[in-house]
Amino acid sequence: MKISRSEAVVHQADPAVRIEALYNEPGFGFDVAIGSLDGHHPRVRNRASDRAYFVLSGSFTIHVGEADHHVSPHDLVVVPKGVPHGLDGKGEYIVITAPRFLPENEDIVAK
C-alpha cells in the first residue's frame, strides 16, 4: 500500500498543532501522522500508546516527563505510554503512535 501526503486527513489538534493523518486504520497496531507546530502544544498523557516523534524541520522542545529535549531535524524522541509530554516551538515532525491513536485514550495534564 502506498499513501501520499496529499491524501492525508488534516485537522487542527489545537491552535498550535496541525495534524495530517497519513495512516490510522483499524486492525493495524500503529498510525503515522505529520504534525506542524507553531507555538505551544499542552502536555498530554496517552494511557494506551507509545509515541515516537521524528523531526523533519524547525527546532522546538519536546517535554517528556521531567526532561526537556531540544530537537532539530533528524532527531527522534520516544515517549512511553502514560508519560506526560508536550511541545513548544516551530517545526514539522512525523509522529508514530502504537497502538494507533484513539482520542479517548488521551488526556491533557497540568505540568
N, C-alpha and C. Protein backbone atom coordinates (compact mmCIF):
# COMPACT_ATOMS: atom_id res chain seq x y z
N MET A 1 0.85 -1.17 0.00
CA MET A 1 0.00 0.00 0.00
C MET A 1 0.89 1.24 0.00
N LYS A 2 0.55 2.21 -0.82
CA LYS A 2 1.26 3.49 -0.87
C LYS A 2 0.28 4.59 -0.52
N ILE A 3 0.74 5.52 0.31
CA ILE A 3 -0.09 6.66 0.70
C ILE A 3 0.71 7.92 0.47
N SER A 4 0.12 8.88 -0.21
CA SER A 4 0.78 10.16 -0.46
C SER A 4 0.31 11.20 0.55
N ARG A 5 1.18 12.13 0.85
CA ARG A 5 0.83 13.19 1.79
C ARG A 5 -0.41 13.94 1.34
N SER A 6 -0.61 14.07 0.05
CA SER A 6 -1.79 14.78 -0.47
C SER A 6 -3.09 14.07 -0.11
N GLU A 7 -3.02 12.81 0.30
CA GLU A 7 -4.21 12.04 0.69
C GLU A 7 -4.51 12.13 2.19
N ALA A 8 -3.66 12.78 2.94
CA ALA A 8 -3.81 12.83 4.40
C ALA A 8 -5.08 13.55 4.80
N VAL A 9 -5.68 13.07 5.90
CA VAL A 9 -6.82 13.75 6.51
C VAL A 9 -6.24 14.79 7.46
N VAL A 10 -6.59 16.06 7.26
CA VAL A 10 -5.98 17.17 8.00
C VAL A 10 -6.97 17.69 9.04
N HIS A 11 -6.45 17.93 10.25
CA HIS A 11 -7.27 18.58 11.28
C HIS A 11 -6.37 19.40 12.21
N GLN A 12 -6.96 20.37 12.84
CA GLN A 12 -6.25 21.24 13.78
C GLN A 12 -6.42 20.64 15.17
N ALA A 13 -5.35 20.09 15.73
CA ALA A 13 -5.42 19.44 17.04
C ALA A 13 -5.66 20.45 18.15
N ASP A 14 -5.02 21.61 18.04
CA ASP A 14 -5.23 22.74 18.94
C ASP A 14 -4.71 23.96 18.18
N PRO A 15 -4.75 25.16 18.77
CA PRO A 15 -4.34 26.34 18.00
C PRO A 15 -2.92 26.28 17.44
N ALA A 16 -2.02 25.53 18.07
CA ALA A 16 -0.62 25.50 17.64
C ALA A 16 -0.24 24.27 16.81
N VAL A 17 -1.12 23.26 16.75
CA VAL A 17 -0.75 22.00 16.11
C VAL A 17 -1.75 21.62 15.02
N ARG A 18 -1.20 21.40 13.83
CA ARG A 18 -1.96 20.90 12.68
C ARG A 18 -1.48 19.48 12.43
N ILE A 19 -2.42 18.54 12.29
CA ILE A 19 -2.09 17.13 12.09
C ILE A 19 -2.57 16.68 10.72
N GLU A 20 -1.67 16.01 9.99
CA GLU A 20 -2.02 15.37 8.73
C GLU A 20 -1.94 13.87 8.97
N ALA A 21 -3.08 13.24 9.14
CA ALA A 21 -3.13 11.81 9.44
C ALA A 21 -2.88 11.02 8.15
N LEU A 22 -1.70 10.43 8.06
CA LEU A 22 -1.35 9.65 6.88
C LEU A 22 -1.95 8.26 6.92
N TYR A 23 -1.93 7.64 8.12
CA TYR A 23 -2.41 6.27 8.22
C TYR A 23 -2.90 6.01 9.64
N ASN A 24 -4.17 5.65 9.77
CA ASN A 24 -4.77 5.34 11.06
C ASN A 24 -5.93 4.38 10.83
N GLU A 25 -5.61 3.17 10.43
CA GLU A 25 -6.63 2.20 10.07
C GLU A 25 -6.89 1.20 11.19
N PRO A 26 -8.16 0.92 11.47
CA PRO A 26 -8.48 -0.14 12.44
C PRO A 26 -7.84 -1.45 11.99
N GLY A 27 -7.42 -2.23 12.95
CA GLY A 27 -6.80 -3.51 12.64
C GLY A 27 -5.29 -3.46 12.58
N PHE A 28 -4.70 -2.25 12.49
CA PHE A 28 -3.25 -2.13 12.49
C PHE A 28 -2.81 -1.66 13.87
N GLY A 29 -1.58 -1.97 14.25
CA GLY A 29 -1.09 -1.67 15.58
C GLY A 29 -0.39 -0.32 15.71
N PHE A 30 -0.49 0.54 14.69
CA PHE A 30 0.18 1.83 14.74
C PHE A 30 -0.54 2.82 13.84
N ASP A 31 -0.18 4.10 13.98
CA ASP A 31 -0.60 5.10 13.00
C ASP A 31 0.56 6.04 12.74
N VAL A 32 0.47 6.78 11.64
CA VAL A 32 1.52 7.71 11.23
C VAL A 32 0.86 9.02 10.85
N ALA A 33 1.42 10.13 11.35
CA ALA A 33 0.91 11.45 11.01
C ALA A 33 2.07 12.42 10.89
N ILE A 34 1.81 13.53 10.20
CA ILE A 34 2.76 14.63 10.15
C ILE A 34 2.16 15.77 10.96
N GLY A 35 2.94 16.27 11.90
CA GLY A 35 2.49 17.38 12.74
C GLY A 35 3.24 18.65 12.37
N SER A 36 2.53 19.76 12.39
CA SER A 36 3.14 21.08 12.20
C SER A 36 2.89 21.87 13.47
N LEU A 37 3.95 22.28 14.13
CA LEU A 37 3.87 23.01 15.39
C LEU A 37 4.27 24.46 15.18
N ASP A 38 3.45 25.38 15.70
CA ASP A 38 3.78 26.80 15.68
C ASP A 38 3.31 27.40 16.99
N GLY A 39 4.10 27.20 18.05
CA GLY A 39 3.72 27.70 19.37
C GLY A 39 3.82 26.62 20.43
N HIS A 40 2.75 26.47 21.20
CA HIS A 40 2.73 25.58 22.36
C HIS A 40 1.62 24.54 22.23
N HIS A 41 1.99 23.27 22.38
CA HIS A 41 1.02 22.18 22.46
C HIS A 41 1.07 21.68 23.90
N PRO A 42 -0.06 21.77 24.62
CA PRO A 42 -0.04 21.40 26.05
C PRO A 42 0.34 19.95 26.28
N ARG A 43 0.78 19.70 27.50
CA ARG A 43 1.15 18.33 27.88
C ARG A 43 -0.08 17.43 27.84
N VAL A 44 0.13 16.24 27.29
CA VAL A 44 -0.90 15.22 27.24
C VAL A 44 -0.31 13.92 27.77
N ARG A 45 -1.18 13.01 28.13
CA ARG A 45 -0.78 11.67 28.56
C ARG A 45 -1.66 10.68 27.80
N ASN A 46 -1.02 9.78 27.08
CA ASN A 46 -1.78 8.74 26.40
C ASN A 46 -1.69 7.47 27.24
N ARG A 47 -2.84 6.99 27.67
CA ARG A 47 -2.90 5.84 28.57
C ARG A 47 -2.62 4.51 27.87
N ALA A 48 -2.72 4.47 26.53
CA ALA A 48 -2.64 3.20 25.82
C ALA A 48 -1.47 3.07 24.85
N SER A 49 -0.90 4.19 24.41
CA SER A 49 0.04 4.13 23.29
C SER A 49 1.40 4.73 23.59
N ASP A 50 2.43 4.11 23.02
CA ASP A 50 3.76 4.70 22.94
C ASP A 50 3.77 5.62 21.73
N ARG A 51 4.69 6.59 21.73
CA ARG A 51 4.74 7.56 20.64
C ARG A 51 6.18 7.87 20.32
N ALA A 52 6.47 8.08 19.02
CA ALA A 52 7.80 8.50 18.58
C ALA A 52 7.64 9.72 17.69
N TYR A 53 8.45 10.76 17.97
CA TYR A 53 8.46 11.98 17.17
C TYR A 53 9.79 12.04 16.41
N PHE A 54 9.72 12.15 15.09
CA PHE A 54 10.90 12.31 14.25
C PHE A 54 10.83 13.69 13.62
N VAL A 55 11.81 14.54 13.91
CA VAL A 55 11.78 15.94 13.49
C VAL A 55 12.18 16.05 12.01
N LEU A 56 11.33 16.74 11.24
CA LEU A 56 11.59 16.99 9.83
C LEU A 56 12.21 18.36 9.59
N SER A 57 11.70 19.39 10.30
CA SER A 57 12.20 20.75 10.10
C SER A 57 11.96 21.58 11.35
N GLY A 58 12.66 22.71 11.43
CA GLY A 58 12.48 23.64 12.53
C GLY A 58 13.27 23.23 13.76
N SER A 59 12.93 23.86 14.86
CA SER A 59 13.51 23.48 16.15
C SER A 59 12.48 23.78 17.22
N PHE A 60 12.42 22.90 18.17
CA PHE A 60 11.48 23.06 19.27
C PHE A 60 11.92 22.20 20.43
N THR A 61 11.15 22.26 21.49
CA THR A 61 11.43 21.48 22.68
C THR A 61 10.28 20.50 22.88
N ILE A 62 10.65 19.25 23.11
CA ILE A 62 9.66 18.23 23.47
C ILE A 62 9.90 17.92 24.94
N HIS A 63 8.88 18.17 25.74
CA HIS A 63 8.93 17.91 27.18
C HIS A 63 8.39 16.49 27.41
N VAL A 64 9.22 15.63 27.99
CA VAL A 64 8.82 14.25 28.26
C VAL A 64 9.05 13.99 29.73
N GLY A 65 7.96 13.83 30.47
CA GLY A 65 8.08 13.71 31.92
C GLY A 65 8.74 14.96 32.46
N GLU A 66 9.85 14.81 33.17
CA GLU A 66 10.58 15.95 33.72
C GLU A 66 11.72 16.42 32.81
N ALA A 67 11.96 15.72 31.70
CA ALA A 67 13.07 16.06 30.80
C ALA A 67 12.60 16.97 29.66
N ASP A 68 13.47 17.89 29.27
CA ASP A 68 13.24 18.76 28.12
C ASP A 68 14.25 18.40 27.04
N HIS A 69 13.76 18.03 25.86
CA HIS A 69 14.62 17.66 24.74
C HIS A 69 14.56 18.74 23.68
N HIS A 70 15.66 19.44 23.46
CA HIS A 70 15.75 20.46 22.43
C HIS A 70 16.09 19.73 21.13
N VAL A 71 15.19 19.82 20.16
CA VAL A 71 15.31 19.00 18.95
C VAL A 71 15.44 19.84 17.69
N SER A 72 16.04 19.22 16.68
CA SER A 72 16.21 19.82 15.37
C SER A 72 16.07 18.69 14.34
N PRO A 73 16.12 19.01 13.05
CA PRO A 73 15.90 17.98 12.04
C PRO A 73 16.74 16.72 12.24
N HIS A 74 16.04 15.61 12.07
CA HIS A 74 16.57 14.24 12.12
C HIS A 74 16.76 13.71 13.54
N ASP A 75 16.27 14.44 14.55
CA ASP A 75 16.26 13.92 15.92
C ASP A 75 14.99 13.08 16.12
N LEU A 76 15.10 12.09 16.97
CA LEU A 76 13.98 11.22 17.33
C LEU A 76 13.80 11.27 18.83
N VAL A 77 12.56 11.45 19.28
CA VAL A 77 12.24 11.42 20.70
C VAL A 77 11.13 10.38 20.89
N VAL A 78 11.35 9.47 21.84
CA VAL A 78 10.39 8.41 22.12
C VAL A 78 9.70 8.69 23.45
N VAL A 79 8.37 8.53 23.46
CA VAL A 79 7.56 8.80 24.65
C VAL A 79 6.80 7.51 25.00
N PRO A 80 7.13 6.88 26.14
CA PRO A 80 6.38 5.68 26.54
C PRO A 80 4.95 6.03 26.94
N LYS A 81 4.04 5.09 26.78
CA LYS A 81 2.66 5.31 27.19
C LYS A 81 2.61 5.71 28.65
N GLY A 82 1.66 6.57 28.97
CA GLY A 82 1.47 7.01 30.35
C GLY A 82 2.35 8.16 30.78
N VAL A 83 3.32 8.57 29.97
CA VAL A 83 4.24 9.65 30.35
C VAL A 83 3.74 10.97 29.76
N PRO A 84 3.55 11.99 30.60
CA PRO A 84 3.11 13.29 30.08
C PRO A 84 4.16 13.90 29.15
N HIS A 85 3.70 14.52 28.08
CA HIS A 85 4.61 15.15 27.13
C HIS A 85 3.90 16.31 26.42
N GLY A 86 4.70 17.31 26.03
CA GLY A 86 4.18 18.47 25.32
C GLY A 86 5.27 19.04 24.42
N LEU A 87 4.91 20.02 23.60
CA LEU A 87 5.85 20.58 22.64
C LEU A 87 5.77 22.11 22.64
N ASP A 88 6.91 22.75 22.39
CA ASP A 88 7.00 24.20 22.24
C ASP A 88 7.96 24.52 21.10
N GLY A 89 7.61 25.48 20.27
CA GLY A 89 8.50 25.93 19.21
C GLY A 89 7.82 25.95 17.86
N LYS A 90 8.62 25.78 16.82
CA LYS A 90 8.09 25.80 15.46
C LYS A 90 8.83 24.77 14.62
N GLY A 91 8.07 23.91 13.96
CA GLY A 91 8.68 22.90 13.13
C GLY A 91 7.67 21.90 12.63
N GLU A 92 8.18 20.91 11.93
CA GLU A 92 7.35 19.84 11.39
C GLU A 92 7.98 18.51 11.79
N TYR A 93 7.14 17.53 12.09
CA TYR A 93 7.62 16.24 12.57
C TYR A 93 6.69 15.13 12.11
N ILE A 94 7.24 13.93 12.10
CA ILE A 94 6.43 12.72 11.91
C ILE A 94 6.18 12.16 13.30
N VAL A 95 4.95 11.76 13.56
CA VAL A 95 4.63 11.11 14.83
C VAL A 95 4.04 9.74 14.52
N ILE A 96 4.62 8.73 15.18
CA ILE A 96 4.12 7.36 15.06
C ILE A 96 3.59 6.96 16.42
N THR A 97 2.37 6.46 16.45
CA THR A 97 1.71 6.07 17.69
C THR A 97 1.36 4.59 17.60
N ALA A 98 1.72 3.84 18.67
CA ALA A 98 1.44 2.40 18.68
C ALA A 98 1.04 1.96 20.07
N PRO A 99 -0.09 1.28 20.24
CA PRO A 99 -1.13 1.08 19.25
C PRO A 99 -1.67 2.41 18.72
N ARG A 100 -2.45 2.34 17.65
CA ARG A 100 -2.90 3.54 16.95
C ARG A 100 -3.62 4.53 17.87
N PHE A 101 -3.56 5.80 17.50
CA PHE A 101 -4.15 6.88 18.29
C PHE A 101 -5.67 6.77 18.32
N LEU A 102 -6.20 6.83 19.53
CA LEU A 102 -7.64 6.96 19.76
C LEU A 102 -7.82 8.10 20.75
N PRO A 103 -8.61 9.12 20.40
CA PRO A 103 -8.74 10.30 21.27
C PRO A 103 -9.16 9.98 22.70
N GLU A 104 -9.96 8.95 22.88
CA GLU A 104 -10.44 8.63 24.23
C GLU A 104 -9.33 8.13 25.16
N ASN A 105 -8.15 7.80 24.61
CA ASN A 105 -7.03 7.34 25.42
C ASN A 105 -6.11 8.46 25.87
N GLU A 106 -6.42 9.70 25.51
CA GLU A 106 -5.50 10.80 25.78
C GLU A 106 -6.16 11.88 26.62
N ASP A 107 -5.40 12.38 27.59
CA ASP A 107 -5.86 13.44 28.48
C ASP A 107 -4.85 14.57 28.50
N ILE A 108 -5.34 15.82 28.61
CA ILE A 108 -4.46 16.95 28.84
C ILE A 108 -4.11 16.93 30.33
N VAL A 109 -2.83 17.17 30.64
CA VAL A 109 -2.38 17.14 32.04
C VAL A 109 -1.69 18.47 32.38
N ALA A 110 -1.79 18.84 33.65
CA ALA A 110 -1.06 20.02 34.13
C ALA A 110 0.41 19.70 34.22
N LYS A 111 1.25 20.71 34.10
CA LYS A 111 2.69 20.48 34.18
C LYS A 111 3.12 19.95 35.50
